[in-house]
């Protein structure tokens, strides 16, 4: 980029897993209830997501004018797009975003304190991302019941995946059995919760709902099967690919 802004690579989040945490609810929400207001909201959310990196650098280290300008640019873009969404779709989509604000603050605080790797913080961030899917479908005219159902399913899907990945990474790093046992408990709780919610809210919708519910069962099964953990980079892209499949299946089930 020019001298006014820093290079693009310094503005992008280094954790590729965070892209999938954002991408799943963003794509699903836009697929389920496409609208001009939702499109503006989705682009604004992307700008806010990108603003996280310069914000962290501005608050943590020496004041870098280029990073500060990048933060102001992305923050302003997020605000402009948010106002456009508000003018097009009305204020209802602000309700799920307001509910997610405490979760965003928890995740952001931990990120700035370099504590973002704990499971509670990651689950808070995932639930906040799930609220984006809820806001997008509200912007497209979804009912309150549909909005809650989407938020719950996206939050549980992402949370179950996070617990599974943390357990695999713990095995790869040779953590003691006691710690692995603590990491395994959320795997069961979140996958069982996802399977139960899918059977209750999605399976009755027909064959597409049954396919999604069966998919959640497959995810649970692969999480409890003791297989050798792959390298971290391979693991990230593999889970991202499974997330892409999940988006398509859940989209078909919720249509």
Foldseek 3Di string as FASTA:
>chain_A
DDPLADDPVQLDDPDVLVVLLQVLLLVLLCLQQPDPLLVLQSQLVVLVVSLLRLVLPCVQHPHDSNSVVSNVVSNVSSVVSNVVSCVQQNDPLVVLLVVLVVLVVLLSVCVSVVNNLDLVNQLSSSLNSLSSSLSSNVSRPDDPVLSVLSSQLSSLVSSLLSLLLVLLVCVVVPPDPVVSVVSVVSNVVSLVSNLVSLVVPQCVQDDLSVVLSVLSVVVSVVSPDDDRRDPPVVVSVVVSVSSVVNSVSVSVRSD
